[in-house]
Amino acid sequence: MLYLYLLSGFVLLLIGGESLVRGAVALARRLGVSPMVIGLTLVGFGTSMPELVTCVQAALVGSPGVAIGNVVGSNIANILLILGVAAALRAVVCDPQSFRRDGTIMAIATVIAVALAFTGEIGRLAGASLFLILVAYTIAALVMEKRRNGASGKLYSAEAEVFEGPPMSALVAAVMTVGGMAVTILGANLLVEGAIGVARQAGVSEAVIGLSVVALGTSLPELATAVVASLRGQGDVAFGNVIGSNIYNLLGILGLTAVVTPLGVPPEILQVDIWVMFGVTALAILFAMTGLRITRVEGVVLMLGYAGYIGFLAVSAGVLT
């Protein structure tokens, strides 16, 4: 039954997240919102909604290991697995203007999150500060792109186009949005309950489950988006989606979850996993800086890195010997 909860949670998170974003994008277009604004705000928040709902749910039931493990594990999965898969399918070309700004923000957010983690607890004030940084970044990006109408704005518009479907009425779009949110919440509840139960049954820490199973499950919407974008030849969209997701995870999801309830950081995450997140973030920036593209070979290297990381978690948890 616990594994059925996990599987059901995965499926519902994928369906709910996809419906939520597509409905919100369609509704925004009906209301006359520009594709650039949609890509920067709705797509960013929408694809991160599974992580947010899961983290809040885990924190509320007293499982901070699942919540923090989900954020750290999702960022690792975004770079090693999702960006790796996208690049392996087709070399990912990075827009230099977007990369300079958004890559810098991702690096800063990573450093801040690591520093906060080593205080032992991310409290409400720290969480609110993280979220305010995200709000300031979003507003600044919108203002900058409206003024210069540059390549970054076109990239955000392309991110919105990935989720555009056949025309639909405002009512249908609203139903998809609300229904998607409801399904996402239900999926998160099942995923958290199943993850905690499996961890206890297998004698594995909740942090390990959060870093692996939960993080992978909540990253499915980003994986689907990256694959679609890569197959369409929009590698810059896949890269931008990964960077944006990591920024939202650290500043938005971690911040809002800590506002709801302070998060104690499990020592095991501080020993290894937080540094893995730091290292793979630096690696992604390094790959992107070498010719502003991530080649297929580099994509395969990233994927192998994720397989190695999951193997390490399994061995350290005693699942594999």
C-alpha atoms as a PDB file:
ATOM      1  CA  MET A   1       0.000   0.000   0.000  1.00  0.00           C
ATOM      2  CA  LEU A   2       2.852   2.407   0.795  1.00  0.00           C
ATOM      3  CA  TYR A   3       4.425   1.846  -2.615  1.00  0.00           C
ATOM      4  CA  LEU A   4       1.001   2.352  -4.199  1.00  0.00           C
ATOM      5  CA  TYR A   5       0.826   5.701  -2.401  1.00  0.00           C
ATOM      6  CA  LEU A   6       4.233   6.626  -3.824  1.00  0.00           C
ATOM      7  CA  LEU A   7       3.291   5.624  -7.369  1.00  0.00           C
ATOM      8  CA  SER A   8      -0.085   7.363  -7.165  1.00  0.00           C
ATOM      9  CA  GLY A   9       1.587  10.461  -5.782  1.00  0.00           C
ATOM     10  CA  PHE A  10       4.047  10.549  -8.696  1.00  0.00           C
ATOM     11  CA  VAL A  11       1.289  10.217 -11.284  1.00  0.00           C
ATOM     12  CA  LEU A  12      -0.986  12.780  -9.651  1.00  0.00           C
ATOM     13  CA  LEU A  13       1.850  15.294  -9.234  1.00  0.00           C
ATOM     14  CA  LEU A  14       2.730  14.999 -12.913  1.00  0.00           C
ATOM     15  CA  ILE A  15      -0.879  15.281 -14.072  1.00  0.00           C
ATOM     16  CA  GLY A  16      -1.779  17.995 -11.575  1.00  0.00           C
ATOM     17  CA  GLY A  17       1.331  20.080 -12.248  1.00  0.00           C
ATOM     18  CA  GLU A  18       0.851  19.886 -16.010  1.00  0.00           C
ATOM     19  CA  SER A  19      -2.853  20.779 -15.782  1.00  0.00           C
ATOM     20  CA  LEU A  20      -2.158  23.628 -13.365  1.00  0.00           C
ATOM     21  CA  VAL A  21       0.466  25.258 -15.577  1.00  0.00           C
ATOM     22  CA  ARG A  22      -1.426  24.773 -18.843  1.00  0.00           C
ATOM     23  CA  GLY A  23      -4.641  26.121 -17.329  1.00  0.00           C
ATOM     24  CA  ALA A  24      -2.896  29.111 -15.767  1.00  0.00           C
ATOM     25  CA  VAL A  25      -1.071  29.916 -19.022  1.00  0.00           C
ATOM     26  CA  ALA A  26      -4.295  29.711 -21.044  1.00  0.00           C
ATOM     27  CA  LEU A  27      -6.165  31.854 -18.509  1.00  0.00           C
ATOM     28  CA  ALA A  28      -3.397  34.447 -18.461  1.00  0.00           C
ATOM     29  CA  ARG A  29      -3.392  34.653 -22.251  1.00  0.00           C
ATOM     30  CA  ARG A  30      -7.165  35.140 -22.178  1.00  0.00           C
ATOM     31  CA  LEU A  31      -6.624  38.039 -19.781  1.00  0.00           C
ATOM     32  CA  GLY A  32      -4.076  39.616 -22.104  1.00  0.00           C
ATOM     33  CA  VAL A  33      -0.944  38.876 -20.081  1.00  0.00           C
ATOM     34  CA  SER A  34       2.197  38.931 -22.251  1.00  0.00           C
ATOM     35  CA  PRO A  35       4.025  35.646 -22.977  1.00  0.00           C
ATOM     36  CA  MET A  36       7.183  37.040 -21.356  1.00  0.00           C
ATOM     37  CA  VAL A  37       5.402  37.697 -18.047  1.00  0.00           C
ATOM     38  CA  ILE A  38       3.744  34.283 -18.230  1.00  0.00           C
ATOM     39  CA  GLY A  39       7.069  32.539 -18.799  1.00  0.00           C
ATOM     40  CA  LEU A  40       8.849  34.363 -15.984  1.00  0.00           C
ATOM     41  CA  THR A  41       6.113  34.052 -13.365  1.00  0.00           C
ATOM     42  CA  LEU A  42       3.395  31.469 -14.036  1.00  0.00           C
ATOM     43  CA  VAL A  43       5.623  28.846 -15.657  1.00  0.00           C
ATOM     44  CA  GLY A  44       8.315  29.278 -13.008  1.00  0.00           C
ATOM     45  CA  PHE A  45       5.922  29.056 -10.079  1.00  0.00           C
ATOM     46  CA  GLY A  46       3.710  26.459 -11.737  1.00  0.00           C
ATOM     47  CA  THR A  47       6.399  23.906 -12.523  1.00  0.00           C
ATOM     48  CA  SER A  48       7.725  24.304  -8.967  1.00  0.00           C
ATOM     49  CA  MET A  49       4.302  23.845  -7.385  1.00  0.00           C
ATOM     50  CA  PRO A  50       4.714  20.072  -6.806  1.00  0.00           C
ATOM     51  CA  GLU A  51       7.876  20.764  -4.787  1.00  0.00           C
ATOM     52  CA  LEU A  52       6.197  23.556  -2.824  1.00  0.00           C
ATOM     53  CA  VAL A  53       3.099  21.570  -1.893  1.00  0.00           C
ATOM     54  CA  THR A  54       5.176  18.501  -1.011  1.00  0.00           C
ATOM     55  CA  CYS A  55       7.612  20.474   1.139  1.00  0.00           C
ATOM     56  CA  VAL A  56       4.873  22.285   3.042  1.00  0.00           C
ATOM     57  CA  GLN A  57       2.977  19.043   3.590  1.00  0.00           C
ATOM     58  CA  ALA A  58       6.121  17.279   4.855  1.00  0.00           C
ATOM     59  CA  ALA A  59       7.006  20.171   7.168  1.00  0.00           C
ATOM     60  CA  LEU A  60       3.493  20.314   8.616  1.00  0.00           C
ATOM     61  CA  VAL A  61       3.552  16.603   9.533  1.00  0.00           C
ATOM     62  CA  GLY A  62       6.915  17.041  11.261  1.00  0.00           C
ATOM     63  CA  SER A  63       9.258  15.655   8.595  1.00  0.00           C
ATOM     64  CA  PRO A  64      11.787  18.427   7.842  1.00  0.00           C
ATOM     65  CA  GLY A  65      14.169  15.826   6.417  1.00  0.00           C
ATOM     66  CA  VAL A  66      11.728  15.141   3.591  1.00  0.00           C
ATOM     67  CA  ALA A  67      11.163  18.873   3.009  1.00  0.00           C
ATOM     68  CA  ILE A  68      14.813  19.964   2.907  1.00  0.00           C
ATOM     69  CA  GLY A  69      15.857  16.750   1.190  1.00  0.00           C
ATOM     70  CA  ASN A  70      13.277  17.470  -1.487  1.00  0.00           C
ATOM     71  CA  VAL A  71      14.707  20.942  -2.202  1.00  0.00           C
ATOM     72  CA  VAL A  72      18.344  19.819  -2.196  1.00  0.00           C
ATOM     73  CA  GLY A  73      17.583  16.630  -4.114  1.00  0.00           C
ATOM     74  CA  SER A  74      15.434  18.455  -6.674  1.00  0.00           C
ATOM     75  CA  ASN A  75      18.223  20.914  -7.441  1.00  0.00           C
ATOM     76  CA  ILE A  76      20.668  18.043  -7.851  1.00  0.00           C
ATOM     77  CA  ALA A  77      18.197  16.177 -10.086  1.00  0.00           C
ATOM     78  CA  ASN A  78      17.478  19.316 -12.135  1.00  0.00           C
ATOM     79  CA  ILE A  79      21.127  19.714 -13.090  1.00  0.00           C
ATOM     80  CA  LEU A  80      22.421  16.155 -13.267  1.00  0.00           C
ATOM     81  CA  LEU A  81      19.335  14.338 -14.558  1.00  0.00           C
ATOM     82  CA  ILE A  82      17.049  16.850 -16.276  1.00  0.00           C
ATOM     83  CA  LEU A  83      19.706  19.053 -17.852  1.00  0.00           C
ATOM     84  CA  GLY A  84      21.699  15.916 -18.622  1.00  0.00           C
ATOM     85  CA  VAL A  85      18.783  14.264 -20.448  1.00  0.00           C
ATOM     86  CA  ALA A  86      18.008  17.463 -22.384  1.00  0.00           C
ATOM     87  CA  ALA A  87      21.641  17.872 -23.470  1.00  0.00           C
ATOM     88  CA  ALA A  88      22.019  14.177 -24.338  1.00  0.00           C
ATOM     89  CA  LEU A  89      19.028  14.457 -26.676  1.00  0.00           C
ATOM     90  CA  ARG A  90      20.343  17.615 -28.315  1.00  0.00           C
ATOM     91  CA  ALA A  91      23.188  19.963 -27.353  1.00  0.00           C
ATOM     92  CA  VAL A  92      21.832  22.783 -25.171  1.00  0.00           C
ATOM     93  CA  VAL A  93      22.761  26.284 -26.316  1.00  0.00           C
ATOM     94  CA  CYS A  94      22.697  28.930 -23.576  1.00  0.00           C
ATOM     95  CA  ASP A  95      21.616  32.503 -24.190  1.00  0.00           C
ATOM     96  CA  PRO A  96      24.528  34.615 -22.826  1.00  0.00           C
ATOM     97  CA  GLN A  97      22.332  37.473 -21.604  1.00  0.00           C
ATOM     98  CA  SER A  98      20.016  35.184 -19.668  1.00  0.00           C
ATOM     99  CA  PHE A  99      22.880  33.069 -18.395  1.00  0.00           C
ATOM    100  CA  ARG A 100      24.806  36.019 -16.962  1.00  0.00           C
ATOM    101  CA  ARG A 101      21.855  37.252 -14.929  1.00  0.00           C
ATOM    102  CA  ASP A 102      19.960  34.092 -14.021  1.00  0.00           C
ATOM    103  CA  GLY A 103      23.080  31.969 -13.592  1.00  0.00           C
ATOM    104  CA  THR A 104      24.460  34.576 -11.206  1.00  0.00           C
ATOM    105  CA  ILE A 105      21.224  34.613  -9.187  1.00  0.00           C
ATOM    106  CA  MET A 106      21.253  30.798  -9.018  1.00  0.00           C
ATOM    107  CA  ALA A 107      24.825  30.857  -7.725  1.00  0.00           C
ATOM    108  CA  ILE A 108      24.005  33.522  -5.117  1.00  0.00           C
ATOM    109  CA  ALA A 109      20.860  31.670  -4.000  1.00  0.00           C
ATOM    110  CA  THR A 110      22.883  28.459  -3.635  1.00  0.00           C
ATOM    111  CA  VAL A 111      25.527  30.149  -1.482  1.00  0.00           C
ATOM    112  CA  ILE A 112      22.860  31.764   0.732  1.00  0.00           C
ATOM    113  CA  ALA A 113      20.986  28.473   1.159  1.00  0.00           C
ATOM    114  CA  VAL A 114      24.179  26.617   2.077  1.00  0.00           C
ATOM    115  CA  ALA A 115      25.099  29.300   4.625  1.00  0.00           C
ATOM    116  CA  LEU A 116      21.624  29.187   6.195  1.00  0.00           C
ATOM    117  CA  ALA A 117      21.681  25.390   6.327  1.00  0.00           C
ATOM    118  CA  PHE A 118      24.846  25.433   8.427  1.00  0.00           C
ATOM    119  CA  THR A 119      23.087  27.493  11.101  1.00  0.00           C
ATOM    120  CA  GLY A 120      21.206  24.268  11.867  1.00  0.00           C
ATOM    121  CA  GLU A 121      17.725  25.693  11.340  1.00  0.00           C
ATOM    122  CA  ILE A 122      16.061  27.823   8.687  1.00  0.00           C
ATOM    123  CA  GLY A 123      13.600  29.962  10.640  1.00  0.00           C
ATOM    124  CA  ARG A 124      10.670  32.112   9.604  1.00  0.00           C
ATOM    125  CA  LEU A 125      12.716  35.311   9.286  1.00  0.00           C
ATOM    126  CA  ALA A 126      15.279  33.606   7.062  1.00  0.00           C
ATOM    127  CA  GLY A 127      12.480  32.025   5.028  1.00  0.00           C
ATOM    128  CA  ALA A 128      10.738  35.364   4.546  1.00  0.00           C
ATOM    129  CA  SER A 129      14.053  36.924   3.482  1.00  0.00           C
ATOM    130  CA  LEU A 130      14.589  34.207   0.872  1.00  0.00           C
ATOM    131  CA  PHE A 131      11.118  34.732  -0.558  1.00  0.00           C
ATOM    132  CA  LEU A 132      11.541  38.514  -0.658  1.00  0.00           C
ATOM    133  CA  ILE A 133      14.768  38.056  -2.632  1.00  0.00           C
ATOM    134  CA  LEU A 134      12.793  35.982  -5.142  1.00  0.00           C
ATOM    135  CA  VAL A 135      10.106  38.658  -5.422  1.00  0.00           C
ATOM    136  CA  ALA A 136      12.744  41.369  -5.921  1.00  0.00           C
ATOM    137  CA  TYR A 137      14.513  39.280  -8.564  1.00  0.00           C
ATOM    138  CA  THR A 138      11.264  38.620 -10.449  1.00  0.00           C
ATOM    139  CA  ILE A 139      10.245  42.297 -10.443  1.00  0.00           C
ATOM    140  CA  ALA A 140      13.730  43.396 -11.515  1.00  0.00           C
ATOM    141  CA  ALA A 141      13.776  40.857 -14.356  1.00  0.00           C
ATOM    142  CA  LEU A 142      10.365  41.999 -15.591  1.00  0.00           C
ATOM    143  CA  VAL A 143      11.352  45.665 -15.527  1.00  0.00           C
ATOM    144  CA  MET A 144      14.670  45.010 -17.290  1.00  0.00           C
ATOM    145  CA  GLU A 145      13.102  42.901 -20.050  1.00  0.00           C
ATOM    146  CA  LYS A 146      10.274  45.372 -20.707  1.00  0.00           C
ATOM    147  CA  ARG A 147      12.800  48.170 -21.110  1.00  0.00           C
ATOM    148  CA  ARG A 148      15.181  46.459 -23.499  1.00  0.00           C
ATOM    149  CA  ASN A 149      13.017  43.728 -25.057  1.00  0.00           C
ATOM    150  CA  GLY A 150      16.109  41.541 -25.289  1.00  0.00           C
ATOM    151  CA  ALA A 151      16.917  37.897 -25.790  1.00  0.00           C
ATOM    152  CA  SER A 152      15.978  36.989 -22.218  1.00  0.00           C
ATOM    153  CA  GLY A 153      12.444  38.227 -22.772  1.00  0.00           C
ATOM    154  CA  LYS A 154      12.171  36.049 -25.879  1.00  0.00           C
ATOM    155  CA  LEU A 155      13.413  33.095 -23.842  1.00  0.00           C
ATOM    156  CA  TYR A 156      10.700  33.613 -21.213  1.00  0.00           C
ATOM    157  CA  SER A 157       8.121  33.862 -23.997  1.00  0.00           C
ATOM    158  CA  ALA A 158       9.388  30.583 -25.457  1.00  0.00           C
ATOM    159  CA  GLU A 159       9.007  28.931 -22.036  1.00  0.00           C
ATOM    160  CA  ALA A 160       5.347  29.976 -22.043  1.00  0.00           C
ATOM    161  CA  GLU A 161       4.880  28.595 -25.572  1.00  0.00           C
ATOM    162  CA  VAL A 162       5.907  25.112 -24.382  1.00  0.00           C
ATOM    163  CA  PHE A 163       2.708  24.999 -22.303  1.00  0.00           C
ATOM    164  CA  GLU A 164       0.386  26.544 -24.856  1.00  0.00           C
ATOM    165  CA  GLY A 165      -2.248  24.200 -26.233  1.00  0.00           C
ATOM    166  CA  PRO A 166      -5.449  24.527 -28.258  1.00  0.00           C
ATOM    167  CA  PRO A 167      -7.527  27.656 -27.529  1.00  0.00           C
ATOM    168  CA  MET A 168      -9.873  27.239 -24.581  1.00  0.00           C
ATOM    169  CA  SER A 169     -12.445  29.386 -22.844  1.00  0.00           C
ATOM    170  CA  ALA A 170     -11.656  31.248 -19.645  1.00  0.00           C
ATOM    171  CA  LEU A 171     -13.982  28.897 -17.748  1.00  0.00           C
ATOM    172  CA  VAL A 172     -12.223  25.757 -18.995  1.00  0.00           C
ATOM    173  CA  ALA A 173      -8.819  27.303 -18.240  1.00  0.00           C
ATOM    174  CA  ALA A 174      -9.944  28.219 -14.719  1.00  0.00           C
ATOM    175  CA  VAL A 175     -11.267  24.696 -14.107  1.00  0.00           C
ATOM    176  CA  MET A 176      -7.969  23.217 -15.322  1.00  0.00           C
ATOM    177  CA  THR A 177      -6.027  25.533 -13.020  1.00  0.00           C
ATOM    178  CA  VAL A 178      -8.102  24.832  -9.913  1.00  0.00           C
ATOM    179  CA  GLY A 179      -8.386  21.138 -10.710  1.00  0.00           C
ATOM    180  CA  GLY A 180      -4.659  20.911 -11.308  1.00  0.00           C
ATOM    181  CA  MET A 181      -3.979  22.494  -7.934  1.00  0.00           C
ATOM    182  CA  ALA A 182      -6.349  20.079  -6.194  1.00  0.00           C
ATOM    183  CA  VAL A 183      -4.757  17.065  -7.890  1.00  0.00           C
ATOM    184  CA  THR A 184      -1.278  18.369  -7.030  1.00  0.00           C
ATOM    185  CA  ILE A 185      -2.212  18.696  -3.352  1.00  0.00           C
ATOM    186  CA  LEU A 186      -3.691  15.185  -3.315  1.00  0.00           C
ATOM    187  CA  GLY A 187      -0.601  13.804  -5.051  1.00  0.00           C
ATOM    188  CA  ALA A 188       1.696  15.543  -2.569  1.00  0.00           C
ATOM    189  CA  ASN A 189      -0.257  14.116   0.373  1.00  0.00           C
ATOM    190  CA  LEU A 190       0.018  10.580  -1.019  1.00  0.00           C
ATOM    191  CA  LEU A 191       3.690  11.008  -1.889  1.00  0.00           C
ATOM    192  CA  VAL A 192       4.644  12.327   1.559  1.00  0.00           C
ATOM    193  CA  GLU A 193       2.629   9.683   3.394  1.00  0.00           C
ATOM    194  CA  GLY A 194       4.081   6.921   1.253  1.00  0.00           C
ATOM    195  CA  ALA A 195       7.642   8.276   1.513  1.00  0.00           C
ATOM    196  CA  ILE A 196       7.539   8.541   5.301  1.00  0.00           C
ATOM    197  CA  GLY A 197       6.016   5.087   5.580  1.00  0.00           C
ATOM    198  CA  VAL A 198       8.588   3.493   3.278  1.00  0.00           C
ATOM    199  CA  ALA A 199      11.430   5.207   5.141  1.00  0.00           C
ATOM    200  CA  ARG A 200      10.243   3.854   8.483  1.00  0.00           C
ATOM    201  CA  GLN A 201       9.528   0.396   7.114  1.00  0.00           C
ATOM    202  CA  ALA A 202      12.925   0.101   5.409  1.00  0.00           C
ATOM    203  CA  GLY A 203      14.845   1.710   8.258  1.00  0.00           C
ATOM    204  CA  VAL A 204      16.047   4.509   5.964  1.00  0.00           C
ATOM    205  CA  SER A 205      16.200   8.131   7.080  1.00  0.00           C
ATOM    206  CA  GLU A 206      13.495  10.493   5.832  1.00  0.00           C
ATOM    207  CA  ALA A 207      16.230  12.759   4.473  1.00  0.00           C
ATOM    208  CA  VAL A 208      17.446  10.025   2.104  1.00  0.00           C
ATOM    209  CA  ILE A 209      13.893   9.422   0.873  1.00  0.00           C
ATOM    210  CA  GLY A 210      13.450  13.171   0.359  1.00  0.00           C
ATOM    211  CA  LEU A 211      16.749  13.454  -1.519  1.00  0.00           C
ATOM    212  CA  SER A 212      15.957  10.575  -3.845  1.00  0.00           C
ATOM    213  CA  VAL A 213      12.400   9.308  -4.292  1.00  0.00           C
ATOM    214  CA  VAL A 214      10.515  12.481  -3.367  1.00  0.00           C
ATOM    215  CA  ALA A 215      12.919  14.809  -5.203  1.00  0.00           C
ATOM    216  CA  LEU A 216      12.694  12.738  -8.369  1.00  0.00           C
ATOM    217  CA  GLY A 217       8.908  12.567  -8.186  1.00  0.00           C
ATOM    218  CA  THR A 218       8.423  16.297  -7.725  1.00  0.00           C
ATOM    219  CA  SER A 219      10.905  17.028 -10.545  1.00  0.00           C
ATOM    220  CA  LEU A 220       8.839  15.160 -13.135  1.00  0.00           C
ATOM    221  CA  PRO A 221       7.146  18.335 -14.506  1.00  0.00           C
ATOM    222  CA  GLU A 222      10.535  19.957 -15.110  1.00  0.00           C
ATOM    223  CA  LEU A 223      11.784  16.760 -16.760  1.00  0.00           C
ATOM    224  CA  ALA A 224       8.793  16.677 -19.118  1.00  0.00           C
ATOM    225  CA  THR A 225       9.253  20.363 -19.989  1.00  0.00           C
ATOM    226  CA  ALA A 226      12.979  19.950 -20.662  1.00  0.00           C
ATOM    227  CA  VAL A 227      12.475  16.898 -22.894  1.00  0.00           C
ATOM    228  CA  VAL A 228       9.756  18.630 -24.947  1.00  0.00           C
ATOM    229  CA  ALA A 229      11.862  21.777 -25.311  1.00  0.00           C
ATOM    230  CA  SER A 230      14.959  19.808 -26.311  1.00  0.00           C
ATOM    231  CA  LEU A 231      13.092  17.752 -28.918  1.00  0.00           C
ATOM    232  CA  ARG A 232      11.743  20.999 -30.376  1.00  0.00           C
ATOM    233  CA  GLY A 233      15.263  22.340 -30.678  1.00  0.00           C
ATOM    234  CA  GLN A 234      14.709  24.853 -27.866  1.00  0.00           C
ATOM    235  CA  GLY A 235      17.691  23.922 -25.733  1.00  0.00           C
ATOM    236  CA  ASP A 236      17.869  27.426 -24.289  1.00  0.00           C
ATOM    237  CA  VAL A 237      14.351  26.912 -22.908  1.00  0.00           C
ATOM    238  CA  ALA A 238      15.403  23.644 -21.245  1.00  0.00           C
ATOM    239  CA  PHE A 239      18.448  25.323 -19.708  1.00  0.00           C
ATOM    240  CA  GLY A 240      16.443  28.349 -18.599  1.00  0.00           C
ATOM    241  CA  ASN A 241      13.807  26.102 -17.057  1.00  0.00           C
ATOM    242  CA  VAL A 242      16.420  24.252 -14.983  1.00  0.00           C
ATOM    243  CA  ILE A 243      18.052  27.467 -13.747  1.00  0.00           C
ATOM    244  CA  GLY A 244      14.670  29.029 -12.993  1.00  0.00           C
ATOM    245  CA  SER A 245      13.497  25.926 -11.148  1.00  0.00           C
ATOM    246  CA  ASN A 246      16.627  25.888  -8.975  1.00  0.00           C
ATOM    247  CA  ILE A 247      16.150  29.570  -8.149  1.00  0.00           C
ATOM    248  CA  TYR A 248      12.498  29.009  -7.237  1.00  0.00           C
ATOM    249  CA  ASN A 249      13.379  25.932  -5.168  1.00  0.00           C
ATOM    250  CA  LEU A 250      15.956  27.737  -3.030  1.00  0.00           C
ATOM    251  CA  LEU A 251      14.314  31.128  -2.670  1.00  0.00           C
ATOM    252  CA  GLY A 252      10.617  30.393  -3.060  1.00  0.00           C
ATOM    253  CA  ILE A 253       9.960  26.858  -1.890  1.00  0.00           C
ATOM    254  CA  LEU A 254      12.537  26.713   0.876  1.00  0.00           C
ATOM    255  CA  GLY A 255      11.585  30.245   1.906  1.00  0.00           C
ATOM    256  CA  LEU A 256       7.811  29.732   2.011  1.00  0.00           C
ATOM    257  CA  THR A 257       8.110  26.358   3.731  1.00  0.00           C
ATOM    258  CA  ALA A 258      10.285  27.886   6.447  1.00  0.00           C
ATOM    259  CA  VAL A 259       7.725  30.687   6.873  1.00  0.00           C
ATOM    260  CA  VAL A 260       5.018  28.081   7.492  1.00  0.00           C
ATOM    261  CA  THR A 261       7.194  26.225  10.024  1.00  0.00           C
ATOM    262  CA  PRO A 262      10.921  26.504  10.876  1.00  0.00           C
ATOM    263  CA  LEU A 263      12.997  23.747   9.320  1.00  0.00           C
ATOM    264  CA  GLY A 264      15.684  21.895  11.242  1.00  0.00           C
ATOM    265  CA  VAL A 265      18.445  20.766   8.867  1.00  0.00           C
ATOM    266  CA  PRO A 266      19.367  17.053   9.211  1.00  0.00           C
ATOM    267  CA  PRO A 267      23.106  16.619   9.929  1.00  0.00           C
ATOM    268  CA  GLU A 268      23.484  13.994   7.194  1.00  0.00           C
ATOM    269  CA  ILE A 269      22.437  16.529   4.548  1.00  0.00           C
ATOM    270  CA  LEU A 270      25.063  18.956   5.850  1.00  0.00           C
ATOM    271  CA  GLN A 271      27.787  16.337   5.624  1.00  0.00           C
ATOM    272  CA  VAL A 272      27.447  15.401   1.963  1.00  0.00           C
ATOM    273  CA  ASP A 273      24.327  16.382   0.044  1.00  0.00           C
ATOM    274  CA  ILE A 274      24.464  20.150   0.513  1.00  0.00           C
ATOM    275  CA  TRP A 275      27.985  20.041  -0.944  1.00  0.00           C
ATOM    276  CA  VAL A 276      26.823  17.878  -3.833  1.00  0.00           C
ATOM    277  CA  MET A 277      24.206  20.513  -4.629  1.00  0.00           C
ATOM    278  CA  PHE A 278      26.861  23.231  -4.410  1.00  0.00           C
ATOM    279  CA  GLY A 279      29.251  21.262  -6.597  1.00  0.00           C
ATOM    280  CA  VAL A 280      26.786  20.366  -9.371  1.00  0.00           C
ATOM    281  CA  THR A 281      25.592  23.977  -9.498  1.00  0.00           C
ATOM    282  CA  ALA A 282      29.190  25.092 -10.050  1.00  0.00           C
ATOM    283  CA  LEU A 283      29.604  22.316 -12.640  1.00  0.00           C
ATOM    284  CA  ALA A 284      26.545  23.444 -14.616  1.00  0.00           C
ATOM    285  CA  ILE A 285      27.832  27.015 -14.650  1.00  0.00           C
ATOM    286  CA  LEU A 286      31.269  25.787 -15.758  1.00  0.00           C
ATOM    287  CA  PHE A 287      29.801  23.689 -18.591  1.00  0.00           C
ATOM    288  CA  ALA A 288      27.664  26.618 -19.745  1.00  0.00           C
ATOM    289  CA  MET A 289      30.631  28.989 -19.694  1.00  0.00           C
ATOM    290  CA  THR A 290      32.639  26.753 -22.048  1.00  0.00           C
ATOM    291  CA  GLY A 291      31.233  28.008 -25.338  1.00  0.00           C
ATOM    292  CA  LEU A 292      27.831  28.840 -23.824  1.00  0.00           C
ATOM    293  CA  ARG A 293      26.547  25.349 -24.608  1.00  0.00           C
ATOM    294  CA  ILE A 294      26.246  21.967 -22.958  1.00  0.00           C
ATOM    295  CA  THR A 295      27.218  19.227 -25.388  1.00  0.00           C
ATOM    296  CA  ARG A 296      25.784  15.753 -25.661  1.00  0.00           C
ATOM    297  CA  VAL A 297      28.918  14.303 -24.096  1.00  0.00           C
ATOM    298  CA  GLU A 298      28.578  16.685 -21.142  1.00  0.00           C
ATOM    299  CA  GLY A 299      24.907  15.697 -20.909  1.00  0.00           C
ATOM    300  CA  VAL A 300      25.872  12.023 -20.610  1.00  0.00           C
ATOM    301  CA  VAL A 301      28.457  12.939 -17.962  1.00  0.00           C
ATOM    302  CA  LEU A 302      25.732  14.718 -15.975  1.00  0.00           C
ATOM    303  CA  MET A 303      23.395  11.715 -16.238  1.00  0.00           C
ATOM    304  CA  LEU A 304      26.137   9.335 -15.088  1.00  0.00           C
ATOM    305  CA  GLY A 305      26.801  11.696 -12.206  1.00  0.00           C
ATOM    306  CA  TYR A 306      23.166  11.417 -11.115  1.00  0.00           C
ATOM    307  CA  ALA A 307      23.262   7.618 -11.339  1.00  0.00           C
ATOM    308  CA  GLY A 308      26.391   7.678  -9.188  1.00  0.00           C
ATOM    309  CA  TYR A 309      24.766   9.985  -6.645  1.00  0.00           C
ATOM    310  CA  ILE A 310      21.666   7.797  -6.321  1.00  0.00           C
ATOM    311  CA  GLY A 311      23.934   4.776  -5.985  1.00  0.00           C
ATOM    312  CA  PHE A 312      25.835   6.530  -3.200  1.00  0.00           C
ATOM    313  CA  LEU A 313      22.569   7.272  -1.365  1.00  0.00           C
ATOM    314  CA  ALA A 314      21.487   3.648  -1.699  1.00  0.00           C
ATOM    315  CA  VAL A 315      24.805   2.341  -0.363  1.00  0.00           C
ATOM    316  CA  SER A 316      24.979   4.845   2.501  1.00  0.00           C
ATOM    317  CA  ALA A 317      21.409   3.962   3.499  1.00  0.00           C
ATOM    318  CA  GLY A 318      22.207   0.241   3.481  1.00  0.00           C
ATOM    319  CA  VAL A 319      19.825  -0.494   0.629  1.00  0.00           C
ATOM    320  CA  LEU A 320      22.727  -1.715  -1.518  1.00  0.00           C
ATOM    321  CA  THR A 321      25.840  -3.377  -0.158  1.00  0.00           C
END
